[in-house]
Amino acid sequence: MSDDHYLEDQGEKSVVIVMTSGPSTAHRCATPFYLGALLSSMDAEVKIFCTMEAVRLMQTGVAENLSAMAGGKRIIDFIRDAKNAGVEIQVCRPALPGYEIEADNLIDEVDAVASAGDLADLILSVDRLLFF
């Protein structure tokens, strides 16, 4: 393992987290937002792109009533922590109809409803890419 550490690297870093997990795998839904908040607090530019079932987390009322473990912190609180840390959240427009979600029924924390082309641009331009 290298002796180099991220905090010693003064260059700008960008990270995209592509999130596909949703309510059916609630135990996987907190970590991307937690990690996004952590990376953003380390001065990385972080974007979370929600596609596939993850768009359901962005639907009003879903993340407010979901936690990764019984009695745990609600997913909406992880989302809000990420937003407060500076994370940008995008939602995949082509995925919305498959879950019968209208763009006007998304939580306020969503920054943009984006296309697959937008995701492709992010993937090709980012320093680090993570999938959940």
Protein backbone atom coordinates (compact mmCIF):
# COMPACT_ATOMS: atom_id res chain seq x y z
CA MET A 1 0.00 0.00 0.00
CA SER A 2 1.27 3.45 -0.85
CA ASP A 3 2.37 5.95 1.77
CA ASP A 4 0.42 8.64 -0.09
CA HIS A 5 -2.70 9.90 1.64
CA TYR A 6 -5.67 11.66 0.12
CA LEU A 7 -5.47 14.59 2.54
CA GLU A 8 -1.89 15.29 1.45
CA ASP A 9 -2.98 15.57 -2.19
CA GLN A 10 -4.01 19.19 -2.77
CA GLY A 11 -5.52 18.54 -6.22
CA GLU A 12 -9.26 18.77 -6.70
CA LYS A 13 -11.09 15.46 -6.62
CA SER A 14 -14.45 14.56 -8.06
CA VAL A 15 -16.48 11.50 -7.12
CA VAL A 16 -19.67 10.13 -8.62
CA ILE A 17 -21.65 7.55 -6.70
CA VAL A 18 -24.11 5.69 -8.92
CA MET A 19 -26.84 4.43 -6.66
CA THR A 20 -29.15 1.63 -7.77
CA SER A 21 -30.25 0.28 -4.37
CA GLY A 22 -33.73 1.15 -3.17
CA PRO A 23 -36.37 0.17 -0.63
CA SER A 24 -36.16 -3.54 -1.45
CA THR A 25 -32.54 -3.51 -0.21
CA ALA A 26 -32.90 -0.94 2.55
CA HIS A 27 -29.77 -2.24 4.31
CA ARG A 28 -27.74 -0.85 1.36
CA CYS A 29 -29.35 2.60 1.24
CA ALA A 30 -27.57 4.58 3.97
CA THR A 31 -23.93 3.96 3.06
CA PRO A 32 -23.80 5.86 -0.25
CA PHE A 33 -25.11 9.02 1.40
CA TYR A 34 -22.87 8.57 4.44
CA LEU A 35 -19.82 8.03 2.25
CA GLY A 36 -20.81 10.94 0.02
CA ALA A 37 -21.01 13.25 3.04
CA LEU A 38 -17.64 12.02 4.28
CA LEU A 39 -15.95 12.53 0.90
CA SER A 40 -17.51 15.96 0.51
CA SER A 41 -16.23 16.95 3.94
CA MET A 42 -12.77 15.98 2.65
CA ASP A 43 -13.22 18.63 -0.08
CA ALA A 44 -14.14 16.26 -2.89
CA GLU A 45 -16.85 17.33 -5.32
CA VAL A 46 -19.45 14.58 -4.87
CA LYS A 47 -22.48 13.77 -6.97
CA ILE A 48 -24.88 10.93 -6.27
CA PHE A 49 -26.77 9.74 -9.34
CA CYS A 50 -29.88 7.74 -8.43
CA THR A 51 -31.08 5.31 -11.06
CA MET A 52 -33.02 2.06 -11.22
CA GLU A 53 -34.75 1.37 -7.87
CA ALA A 54 -32.82 4.17 -6.14
CA VAL A 55 -35.18 6.69 -7.74
CA ARG A 56 -37.81 5.43 -5.30
CA LEU A 57 -35.74 6.86 -2.42
CA MET A 58 -36.19 10.28 -3.99
CA GLN A 59 -39.97 9.95 -4.12
CA THR A 60 -41.75 12.00 -1.48
CA GLY A 61 -42.57 9.88 1.57
CA VAL A 62 -40.32 6.89 0.85
CA ALA A 63 -36.97 7.76 2.49
CA GLU A 64 -38.85 9.42 5.36
CA ASN A 65 -40.25 6.00 6.31
CA LEU A 66 -37.21 3.81 5.66
CA SER A 67 -34.10 2.92 7.64
CA ALA A 68 -31.19 0.62 6.87
CA MET A 69 -31.75 -1.35 10.07
CA ALA A 70 -34.55 -1.73 12.56
CA GLY A 71 -34.62 1.26 14.88
CA GLY A 72 -31.85 2.99 12.95
CA LYS A 73 -31.52 6.47 11.51
CA ARG A 74 -33.97 7.17 8.68
CA ILE A 75 -32.61 7.22 5.12
CA ILE A 76 -33.93 10.76 4.65
CA ASP A 77 -31.60 11.88 7.44
CA PHE A 78 -28.59 10.34 5.65
CA ILE A 79 -29.73 12.13 2.48
CA ARG A 80 -30.00 15.44 4.33
CA ASP A 81 -26.59 14.96 5.95
CA ALA A 82 -25.11 14.44 2.49
CA LYS A 83 -26.83 17.56 1.16
CA ASN A 84 -25.64 19.60 4.14
CA ALA A 85 -22.08 18.43 3.42
CA GLY A 86 -22.35 19.69 -0.17
CA VAL A 87 -23.30 16.56 -2.11
CA GLU A 88 -25.30 17.08 -5.30
CA ILE A 89 -28.11 14.58 -5.92
CA GLN A 90 -29.34 13.76 -9.40
CA VAL A 91 -32.20 11.47 -10.40
CA CYS A 92 -32.38 9.48 -13.63
CA ARG A 93 -35.28 10.78 -15.71
CA PRO A 94 -35.63 7.58 -17.81
CA ALA A 95 -36.02 5.47 -14.63
CA LEU A 96 -38.94 7.46 -13.21
CA PRO A 97 -41.77 6.08 -15.40
CA GLY A 98 -40.83 2.48 -14.56
CA TYR A 99 -41.65 3.22 -10.92
CA GLU A 100 -44.64 5.44 -11.76
CA ILE A 101 -42.93 8.50 -10.30
CA GLU A 102 -43.53 12.01 -11.59
CA ALA A 103 -40.68 14.52 -11.46
CA ASP A 104 -42.86 16.88 -9.40
CA ASN A 105 -43.21 14.21 -6.68
CA LEU A 106 -39.53 14.17 -5.67
CA ILE A 107 -38.06 15.29 -2.35
CA ASP A 108 -36.62 18.79 -2.09
CA GLU A 109 -33.09 17.41 -1.70
CA VAL A 110 -32.96 16.46 -5.41
CA ASP A 111 -30.82 18.94 -7.36
CA ALA A 112 -31.59 17.75 -10.87
CA VAL A 113 -33.56 15.28 -12.91
CA ALA A 114 -30.99 14.12 -15.44
CA SER A 115 -30.69 12.00 -18.57
CA ALA A 116 -28.66 8.88 -19.25
CA GLY A 117 -26.42 11.12 -21.36
CA ASP A 118 -25.76 13.25 -18.28
CA LEU A 119 -24.71 10.11 -16.41
CA ALA A 120 -22.41 9.12 -19.28
CA ASP A 121 -20.77 12.56 -19.16
CA LEU A 122 -20.26 12.23 -15.40
CA ILE A 123 -18.72 8.78 -15.76
CA LEU A 124 -16.25 9.97 -18.39
CA SER A 125 -15.20 13.09 -16.50
CA VAL A 126 -14.94 11.97 -12.87
CA ASP A 127 -11.81 11.08 -10.89
CA ARG A 128 -13.49 8.27 -8.92
CA LEU A 129 -16.62 6.27 -9.67
CA LEU A 130 -18.47 4.12 -7.12
CA PHE A 131 -21.54 1.91 -7.55
CA PHE A 132 -24.02 0.89 -4.85
